């Protein structure tokens, strides 16, 4: 018997910002968080601008209208950030 399995990428069902962190709740039950400062445009945004995140494209993208910034959920899950983590003071 030939059975084809279809693997679907998890999508976001909820997104929010707290203390310069962006959080996503995914359809598979995971909750992910990442620092806004890992992306150029988000790193310059105010806390209120970060909180204006919206889920778009059936849960596969995040959008900040005022900032004209879009991020893919798959890119976030894969850790495809634009900026490195800041170095911690020794």
PDB file of N, CA and C in Angstrom:
ATOM      1  N   UNK A   1       0.848  -1.174   0.000  1.00  0.00           N
ATOM      2  CA  UNK A   1       0.000   0.000   0.000  1.00  0.00           C
ATOM      3  C   UNK A   1       0.894   1.238   0.000  1.00  0.00           C
ATOM      4  N   UNK A   2       0.640   2.138  -0.898  1.00  0.00           N
ATOM      5  CA  UNK A   2       1.437   3.359  -1.026  1.00  0.00           C
ATOM      6  C   UNK A   2       0.688   4.506  -0.357  1.00  0.00           C
ATOM      7  N   UNK A   3       1.201   4.943   0.760  1.00  0.00           N
ATOM      8  CA  UNK A   3       0.564   6.036   1.495  1.00  0.00           C
ATOM      9  C   UNK A   3       1.461   7.258   1.412  1.00  0.00           C
ATOM     10  N   UNK A   4       0.889   8.367   0.996  1.00  0.00           N
ATOM     11  CA  UNK A   4       1.643   9.614   0.925  1.00  0.00           C
ATOM     12  C   UNK A   4       1.284  10.472   2.123  1.00  0.00           C
ATOM     13  N   UNK A   5       2.310  10.862   2.856  1.00  0.00           N
ATOM     14  CA  UNK A   5       2.100  11.739   4.003  1.00  0.00           C
ATOM     15  C   UNK A   5       2.386  13.170   3.587  1.00  0.00           C
ATOM     16  N   UNK A   6       1.542  14.064   3.954  1.00  0.00           N
ATOM     17  CA  UNK A   6       1.739  15.469   3.669  1.00  0.00           C
ATOM     18  C   UNK A   6       2.168  16.169   4.947  1.00  0.00           C
ATOM     19  N   UNK A   7       3.307  16.778   4.889  1.00  0.00           N
ATOM     20  CA  UNK A   7       3.820  17.507   6.045  1.00  0.00           C
ATOM     21  C   UNK A   7       3.488  18.988   5.845  1.00  0.00           C
ATOM     22  N   UNK A   8       2.851  19.557   6.806  1.00  0.00           N
ATOM     23  CA  UNK A   8       2.537  20.977   6.720  1.00  0.00           C
ATOM     24  C   UNK A   8       3.327  21.736   7.772  1.00  0.00           C
ATOM     25  N   UNK A   9       3.752  22.909   7.395  1.00  0.00           N
ATOM     26  CA  UNK A   9       4.477  23.751   8.334  1.00  0.00           C
ATOM     27  C   UNK A   9       3.507  24.338   9.345  1.00  0.00           C
ATOM     28  N   UNK A  10       3.937  24.457  10.585  1.00  0.00           N
ATOM     29  CA  UNK A  10       3.063  25.095  11.574  1.00  0.00           C
ATOM     30  C   UNK A  10       2.849  26.569  11.217  1.00  0.00           C
ATOM     31  N   UNK A  11       1.683  27.053  11.528  1.00  0.00           N
ATOM     32  CA  UNK A  11       1.339  28.451  11.296  1.00  0.00           C
ATOM     33  C   UNK A  11       1.093  29.123  12.641  1.00  0.00           C
ATOM     34  N   UNK A  12       1.151  30.435  12.638  1.00  0.00           N
ATOM     35  CA  UNK A  12       0.895  31.201  13.860  1.00  0.00           C
ATOM     36  C   UNK A  12      -0.607  31.368  14.059  1.00  0.00           C
ATOM     37  N   UNK A  13      -1.053  31.177  15.293  1.00  0.00           N
ATOM     38  CA  UNK A  13      -2.457  31.439  15.617  1.00  0.00           C
ATOM     39  C   UNK A  13      -2.585  32.631  16.566  1.00  0.00           C
ATOM     40  N   UNK A  14      -1.445  33.040  17.138  1.00  0.00           N
ATOM     41  CA  UNK A  14      -1.434  34.198  18.034  1.00  0.00           C
ATOM     42  C   UNK A  14      -0.032  34.797  17.991  1.00  0.00           C
ATOM     43  N   UNK A  15       0.046  36.120  18.036  1.00  0.00           N
ATOM     44  CA  UNK A  15       1.341  36.816  18.092  1.00  0.00           C
ATOM     45  C   UNK A  15       1.191  38.012  19.021  1.00  0.00           C
ATOM     46  N   UNK A  16       2.239  38.260  19.818  1.00  0.00           N
ATOM     47  CA  UNK A  16       2.212  39.400  20.726  1.00  0.00           C
ATOM     48  C   UNK A  16       3.640  39.822  21.054  1.00  0.00           C
ATOM     49  N   UNK A  17       3.773  41.022  21.598  1.00  0.00           N
ATOM     50  CA  UNK A  17       5.084  41.563  21.977  1.00  0.00           C
ATOM     51  C   UNK A  17       5.048  41.970  23.441  1.00  0.00           C
ATOM     52  N   UNK A  18       6.140  41.644  24.141  1.00  0.00           N
ATOM     53  CA  UNK A  18       6.335  42.042  25.543  1.00  0.00           C
ATOM     54  C   UNK A  18       7.815  42.311  25.770  1.00  0.00           C
ATOM     55  N   UNK A  19       8.116  43.467  26.295  1.00  0.00           N
ATOM     56  CA  UNK A  19       9.492  43.800  26.688  1.00  0.00           C
ATOM     57  C   UNK A  19      10.505  43.506  25.575  1.00  0.00           C
ATOM     58  N   UNK A  20      10.183  43.951  24.363  1.00  0.00           N
ATOM     59  CA  UNK A  20      11.037  43.842  23.167  1.00  0.00           C
ATOM     60  C   UNK A  20      11.225  42.404  22.690  1.00  0.00           C
ATOM     61  N   UNK A  21      10.379  41.514  23.167  1.00  0.00           N
ATOM     62  CA  UNK A  21      10.353  40.138  22.678  1.00  0.00           C
ATOM     63  C   UNK A  21       9.067  39.947  21.877  1.00  0.00           C
ATOM     64  N   UNK A  22       9.169  39.216  20.767  1.00  0.00           N
ATOM     65  CA  UNK A  22       8.011  38.870  19.959  1.00  0.00           C
ATOM     66  C   UNK A  22       7.725  37.393  20.201  1.00  0.00           C
ATOM     67  N   UNK A  23       6.482  37.066  20.486  1.00  0.00           N
ATOM     68  CA  UNK A  23       6.079  35.688  20.773  1.00  0.00           C
ATOM     69  C   UNK A  23       5.055  35.221  19.745  1.00  0.00           C
ATOM     70  N   UNK A  24       5.142  33.930  19.422  1.00  0.00           N
ATOM     71  CA  UNK A  24       4.187  33.298  18.508  1.00  0.00           C
ATOM     72  C   UNK A  24       3.659  32.028  19.144  1.00  0.00           C
ATOM     73  N   UNK A  25       2.379  31.811  19.063  1.00  0.00           N
ATOM     74  CA  UNK A  25       1.797  30.515  19.388  1.00  0.00           C
ATOM     75  C   UNK A  25       1.489  29.851  18.063  1.00  0.00           C
ATOM     76  N   UNK A  26       1.973  28.618  17.893  1.00  0.00           N
ATOM     77  CA  UNK A  26       1.839  27.911  16.624  1.00  0.00           C
ATOM     78  C   UNK A  26       0.726  26.869  16.675  1.00  0.00           C
ATOM     79  N   UNK A  27       0.265  26.464  15.497  1.00  0.00           N
ATOM     80  CA  UNK A  27      -0.804  25.476  15.397  1.00  0.00           C
ATOM     81  C   UNK A  27      -0.414  24.127  15.993  1.00  0.00           C
ATOM     82  N   UNK A  28       0.893  23.853  16.115  1.00  0.00           N
ATOM     83  CA  UNK A  28       1.323  22.577  16.704  1.00  0.00           C
ATOM     84  C   UNK A  28       1.486  22.662  18.223  1.00  0.00           C
ATOM     85  N   UNK A  29       1.101  23.801  18.825  1.00  0.00           N
ATOM     86  CA  UNK A  29       1.126  23.951  20.270  1.00  0.00           C
ATOM     87  C   UNK A  29       2.364  24.623  20.828  1.00  0.00           C
ATOM     88  N   UNK A  30       3.397  24.801  20.021  1.00  0.00           N
ATOM     89  CA  UNK A  30       4.604  25.462  20.516  1.00  0.00           C
ATOM     90  C   UNK A  30       4.384  26.961  20.668  1.00  0.00           C
ATOM     91  N   UNK A  31       5.119  27.545  21.597  1.00  0.00           N
ATOM     92  CA  UNK A  31       5.197  28.990  21.740  1.00  0.00           C
ATOM     93  C   UNK A  31       6.664  29.356  21.577  1.00  0.00           C
ATOM     94  N   UNK A  32       6.939  30.205  20.612  1.00  0.00           N
ATOM     95  CA  UNK A  32       8.301  30.648  20.319  1.00  0.00           C
ATOM     96  C   UNK A  32       8.432  32.125  20.649  1.00  0.00           C
ATOM     97  N   UNK A  33       9.625  32.503  21.037  1.00  0.00           N
ATOM     98  CA  UNK A  33       9.903  33.915  21.278  1.00  0.00           C
ATOM     99  C   UNK A  33      11.254  34.284  20.699  1.00  0.00           C
ATOM    100  N   UNK A  34      11.365  35.506  20.234  1.00  0.00           N
ATOM    101  CA  UNK A  34      12.642  35.992  19.729  1.00  0.00           C
ATOM    102  C   UNK A  34      12.765  37.475  20.027  1.00  0.00           C
ATOM    103  N   UNK A  35      13.993  37.956  20.212  1.00  0.00           N
ATOM    104  CA  UNK A  35      14.206  39.379  20.489  1.00  0.00           C
ATOM    105  C   UNK A  35      13.943  40.214  19.230  1.00  0.00           C
ATOM    106  N   UNK A  36      13.189  41.280  19.375  1.00  0.00           N
ATOM    107  CA  UNK A  36      12.930  42.185  18.247  1.00  0.00           C
ATOM    108  C   UNK A  36      14.239  42.729  17.684  1.00  0.00           C
ATOM    109  N   UNK A  37      15.240  42.841  18.522  1.00  0.00           N
ATOM    110  CA  UNK A  37      16.514  43.414  18.100  1.00  0.00           C
ATOM    111  C   UNK A  37      17.298  42.515  17.146  1.00  0.00           C
ATOM    112  N   UNK A  38      16.787  41.355  16.803  1.00  0.00           N
ATOM    113  CA  UNK A  38      17.439  40.489  15.819  1.00  0.00           C
ATOM    114  C   UNK A  38      17.080  40.881  14.385  1.00  0.00           C
ATOM    115  N   UNK A  39      16.173  41.868  14.223  1.00  0.00           N
ATOM    116  CA  UNK A  39      15.771  42.349  12.903  1.00  0.00           C
ATOM    117  C   UNK A  39      15.976  43.856  12.833  1.00  0.00           C
ATOM    118  N   UNK A  40      16.519  44.332  11.723  1.00  0.00           N
ATOM    119  CA  UNK A  40      16.894  45.748  11.578  1.00  0.00           C
ATOM    120  C   UNK A  40      15.746  46.706  11.887  1.00  0.00           C
ATOM    121  N   UNK A  41      14.646  46.543  11.209  1.00  0.00           N
ATOM    122  CA  UNK A  41      13.529  47.486  11.383  1.00  0.00           C
ATOM    123  C   UNK A  41      12.926  47.365  12.781  1.00  0.00           C
ATOM    124  N   UNK A  42      12.740  46.150  13.250  1.00  0.00           N
ATOM    125  CA  UNK A  42      12.151  45.967  14.581  1.00  0.00           C
ATOM    126  C   UNK A  42      13.063  46.495  15.674  1.00  0.00           C
ATOM    127  N   UNK A  43      14.367  46.451  15.456  1.00  0.00           N
ATOM    128  CA  UNK A  43      15.307  46.927  16.476  1.00  0.00           C
ATOM    129  C   UNK A  43      15.176  48.428  16.719  1.00  0.00           C
ATOM    130  N   UNK A  44      14.651  49.147  15.755  1.00  0.00           N
ATOM    131  CA  UNK A  44      14.470  50.594  15.877  1.00  0.00           C
ATOM    132  C   UNK A  44      13.066  50.986  16.327  1.00  0.00           C
ATOM    133  N   UNK A  45      12.189  50.016  16.458  1.00  0.00           N
ATOM    134  CA  UNK A  45      10.780  50.281  16.777  1.00  0.00           C
ATOM    135  C   UNK A  45      10.567  50.517  18.264  1.00  0.00           C
ATOM    136  N   UNK A  46       9.535  51.295  18.564  1.00  0.00           N
ATOM    137  CA  UNK A  46       9.135  51.502  19.958  1.00  0.00           C
ATOM    138  C   UNK A  46       8.375  50.270  20.441  1.00  0.00           C
ATOM    139  N   UNK A  47       8.196  50.180  21.745  1.00  0.00           N
ATOM    140  CA  UNK A  47       7.432  49.071  22.323  1.00  0.00           C
ATOM    141  C   UNK A  47       5.999  49.061  21.775  1.00  0.00           C
ATOM    142  N   UNK A  48       5.390  50.231  21.657  1.00  0.00           N
ATOM    143  CA  UNK A  48       4.025  50.308  21.123  1.00  0.00           C
ATOM    144  C   UNK A  48       3.969  49.863  19.665  1.00  0.00           C
ATOM    145  N   UNK A  49       4.970  50.213  18.878  1.00  0.00           N
ATOM    146  CA  UNK A  49       5.009  49.767  17.484  1.00  0.00           C
ATOM    147  C   UNK A  49       5.154  48.250  17.411  1.00  0.00           C
ATOM    148  N   UNK A  50       5.971  47.675  18.271  1.00  0.00           N
ATOM    149  CA  UNK A  50       6.133  46.220  18.281  1.00  0.00           C
ATOM    150  C   UNK A  50       4.830  45.518  18.636  1.00  0.00           C
ATOM    151  N   UNK A  51       4.070  46.098  19.535  1.00  0.00           N
ATOM    152  CA  UNK A  51       2.811  45.487  19.968  1.00  0.00           C
ATOM    153  C   UNK A  51       1.749  45.476  18.877  1.00  0.00           C
ATOM    154  N   UNK A  52       1.971  46.211  17.796  1.00  0.00           N
ATOM    155  CA  UNK A  52       0.997  46.282  16.699  1.00  0.00           C
ATOM    156  C   UNK A  52       1.162  45.128  15.705  1.00  0.00           C
ATOM    157  N   UNK A  53       1.810  44.049  16.097  1.00  0.00           N
ATOM    158  CA  UNK A  53       2.025  42.905  15.205  1.00  0.00           C
ATOM    159  C   UNK A  53       0.689  42.249  14.854  1.00  0.00           C
ATOM    160  N   UNK A  54       0.549  41.878  13.597  1.00  0.00           N
ATOM    161  CA  UNK A  54      -0.652  41.186  13.099  1.00  0.00           C
ATOM    162  C   UNK A  54      -0.222  39.909  12.388  1.00  0.00           C
ATOM    163  N   UNK A  55      -1.057  38.899  12.450  1.00  0.00           N
ATOM    164  CA  UNK A  55      -0.827  37.653  11.717  1.00  0.00           C
ATOM    165  C   UNK A  55      -1.467  37.800  10.342  1.00  0.00           C
ATOM    166  N   UNK A  56      -0.718  37.447   9.310  1.00  0.00           N
ATOM    167  CA  UNK A  56      -1.188  37.551   7.928  1.00  0.00           C
ATOM    168  C   UNK A  56      -0.983  36.217   7.204  1.00  0.00           C
ATOM    169  N   UNK A  57      -1.457  36.144   5.978  1.00  0.00           N
ATOM    170  CA  UNK A  57      -1.269  35.012   5.069  1.00  0.00           C
ATOM    171  C   UNK A  57      -1.615  33.684   5.758  1.00  0.00           C
ATOM    172  N   UNK A  58      -2.794  33.636   6.348  1.00  0.00           N
ATOM    173  CA  UNK A  58      -3.283  32.422   7.017  1.00  0.00           C
ATOM    174  C   UNK A  58      -2.336  31.877   8.083  1.00  0.00           C
ATOM    175  N   UNK A  59      -1.609  32.790   8.750  1.00  0.00           N
ATOM    176  CA  UNK A  59      -0.739  32.383   9.836  1.00  0.00           C
ATOM    177  C   UNK A  59       0.702  32.137   9.439  1.00  0.00           C
ATOM    178  N   UNK A  60       1.047  32.384   8.188  1.00  0.00           N
ATOM    179  CA  UNK A  60       2.409  32.116   7.721  1.00  0.00           C
ATOM    180  C   UNK A  60       3.293  33.350   7.672  1.00  0.00           C
ATOM    181  N   UNK A  61       2.772  34.500   8.100  1.00  0.00           N
ATOM    182  CA  UNK A  61       3.570  35.731   8.109  1.00  0.00           C
ATOM    183  C   UNK A  61       3.120  36.640   9.250  1.00  0.00           C
ATOM    184  N   UNK A  62       4.060  37.475   9.698  1.00  0.00           N
ATOM    185  CA  UNK A  62       3.765  38.524  10.671  1.00  0.00           C
ATOM    186  C   UNK A  62       3.918  39.858   9.967  1.00  0.00           C
ATOM    187  N   UNK A  63       3.075  40.817  10.340  1.00  0.00           N
ATOM    188  CA  UNK A  63       3.084  42.126   9.688  1.00  0.00           C
ATOM    189  C   UNK A  63       3.007  43.232  10.733  1.00  0.00           C
ATOM    190  N   UNK A  64       3.853  44.252  10.550  1.00  0.00           N
ATOM    191  CA  UNK A  64       3.807  45.492  11.308  1.00  0.00           C
ATOM    192  C   UNK A  64       3.520  46.591  10.295  1.00  0.00           C
ATOM    193  N   UNK A  65       2.273  46.995  10.191  1.00  0.00           N
ATOM    194  CA  UNK A  65       1.841  47.939   9.153  1.00  0.00           C
ATOM    195  C   UNK A  65       2.584  49.265   9.243  1.00  0.00           C
ATOM    196  N   UNK A  66       2.625  49.880  10.414  1.00  0.00           N
ATOM    197  CA  UNK A  66       3.268  51.183  10.573  1.00  0.00           C
ATOM    198  C   UNK A  66       4.758  51.133  10.215  1.00  0.00           C
ATOM    199  N   UNK A  67       5.395  50.007  10.467  1.00  0.00           N
ATOM    200  CA  UNK A  67       6.824  49.860  10.185  1.00  0.00           C
ATOM    201  C   UNK A  67       7.093  49.343   8.773  1.00  0.00           C
ATOM    202  N   UNK A  68       6.037  48.912   8.077  1.00  0.00           N
ATOM    203  CA  UNK A  68       6.148  48.291   6.753  1.00  0.00           C
ATOM    204  C   UNK A  68       7.128  47.112   6.800  1.00  0.00           C
ATOM    205  N   UNK A  69       6.940  46.244   7.796  1.00  0.00           N
ATOM    206  CA  UNK A  69       7.816  45.087   8.015  1.00  0.00           C
ATOM    207  C   UNK A  69       7.001  43.806   7.993  1.00  0.00           C
ATOM    208  N   UNK A  70       7.513  42.815   7.278  1.00  0.00           N
ATOM    209  CA  UNK A  70       6.897  41.495   7.198  1.00  0.00           C
ATOM    210  C   UNK A  70       7.957  40.447   7.488  1.00  0.00           C
ATOM    211  N   UNK A  71       7.599  39.429   8.278  1.00  0.00           N
ATOM    212  CA  UNK A  71       8.481  38.306   8.557  1.00  0.00           C
ATOM    213  C   UNK A  71       7.702  37.023   8.306  1.00  0.00           C
ATOM    214  N   UNK A  72       8.379  36.006   7.780  1.00  0.00           N
ATOM    215  CA  UNK A  72       7.716  34.719   7.592  1.00  0.00           C
ATOM    216  C   UNK A  72       7.853  33.882   8.859  1.00  0.00           C
ATOM    217  N   UNK A  73       6.819  33.153   9.166  1.00  0.00           N
ATOM    218  CA  UNK A  73       6.843  32.274  10.331  1.00  0.00           C
ATOM    219  C   UNK A  73       7.886  31.178  10.127  1.00  0.00           C
ATOM    220  N   UNK A  74       7.996  30.642   8.929  1.00  0.00           N
ATOM    221  CA  UNK A  74       8.986  29.589   8.674  1.00  0.00           C
ATOM    222  C   UNK A  74      10.412  30.109   8.873  1.00  0.00           C
ATOM    223  N   UNK A  75      10.681  31.347   8.505  1.00  0.00           N
ATOM    224  CA  UNK A  75      11.994  31.940   8.720  1.00  0.00           C
ATOM    225  C   UNK A  75      12.310  32.104  10.195  1.00  0.00           C
ATOM    226  N   UNK A  76      11.302  32.502  10.957  1.00  0.00           N
ATOM    227  CA  UNK A  76      11.486  32.651  12.405  1.00  0.00           C
ATOM    228  C   UNK A  76      11.771  31.295  13.040  1.00  0.00           C
ATOM    229  N   UNK A  77      10.989  30.287  12.669  1.00  0.00           N
ATOM    230  CA  UNK A  77      11.187  28.948  13.218  1.00  0.00           C
ATOM    231  C   UNK A  77      12.592  28.433  12.893  1.00  0.00           C
ATOM    232  N   UNK A  78      13.064  28.739  11.685  1.00  0.00           N
ATOM    233  CA  UNK A  78      14.394  28.285  11.248  1.00  0.00           C
ATOM    234  C   UNK A  78      15.526  29.126  11.829  1.00  0.00           C
ATOM    235  N   UNK A  79      15.188  30.214  12.526  1.00  0.00           N
ATOM    236  CA  UNK A  79      16.217  31.057  13.123  1.00  0.00           C
ATOM    237  C   UNK A  79      16.940  31.938  12.122  1.00  0.00           C
ATOM    238  N   UNK A  80      16.252  32.333  11.067  1.00  0.00           N
ATOM    239  CA  UNK A  80      16.853  33.178  10.037  1.00  0.00           C
ATOM    240  C   UNK A  80      16.707  34.650  10.428  1.00  0.00           C
ATOM    241  N   UNK A  81      17.594  35.082  11.304  1.00  0.00           N
ATOM    242  CA  UNK A  81      17.569  36.446  11.801  1.00  0.00           C
ATOM    243  C   UNK A  81      18.529  37.309  10.995  1.00  0.00           C
ATOM    244  N   UNK A  82      18.285  38.615  10.970  1.00  0.00           N
ATOM    245  CA  UNK A  82      19.134  39.547  10.223  1.00  0.00           C
ATOM    246  C   UNK A  82      20.346  39.998  11.006  1.00  0.00           C
ATOM    247  N   UNK A  83      20.208  40.065  12.311  1.00  0.00           N
ATOM    248  CA  UNK A  83      21.274  40.608  13.156  1.00  0.00           C
ATOM    249  C   UNK A  83      21.730  39.580  14.177  1.00  0.00           C
ATOM    250  N   UNK A  84      23.016  39.584  14.530  1.00  0.00           N
ATOM    251  CA  UNK A  84      23.509  38.638  15.546  1.00  0.00           C
ATOM    252  C   UNK A  84      23.028  39.008  16.937  1.00  0.00           C
ATOM    253  N   UNK A  85      23.134  38.054  17.830  1.00  0.00           N
ATOM    254  CA  UNK A  85      22.863  38.355  19.242  1.00  0.00           C
ATOM    255  C   UNK A  85      23.897  39.343  19.739  1.00  0.00           C
ATOM    256  N   UNK A  86      23.480  40.309  20.570  1.00  0.00           N
ATOM    257  CA  UNK A  86      24.470  41.230  21.128  1.00  0.00           C
ATOM    258  C   UNK A  86      25.404  40.476  22.056  1.00  0.00           C
ATOM    259  N   UNK A  87      26.649  40.906  22.083  1.00  0.00           N
ATOM    260  CA  UNK A  87      27.622  40.274  22.984  1.00  0.00           C
ATOM    261  C   UNK A  87      27.336  40.709  24.419  1.00  0.00           C
ATOM    262  N   UNK A  88      27.443  39.764  25.313  1.00  0.00           N
ATOM    263  CA  UNK A  88      27.233  40.053  26.728  1.00  0.00           C
ATOM    264  C   UNK A  88      28.541  40.570  27.321  1.00  0.00           C
ATOM    265  N   UNK A  89      28.422  41.507  28.218  1.00  0.00           N
ATOM    266  CA  UNK A  89      29.617  42.036  28.896  1.00  0.00           C
ATOM    267  C   UNK A  89      30.204  40.950  29.788  1.00  0.00           C
ATOM    268  N   UNK A  90      31.518  40.883  29.800  1.00  0.00           N
ATOM    269  CA  UNK A  90      32.196  39.844  30.601  1.00  0.00           C
ATOM    270  C   UNK A  90      32.275  40.231  32.057  1.00  0.00           C
TER     271      UNK A  90
END
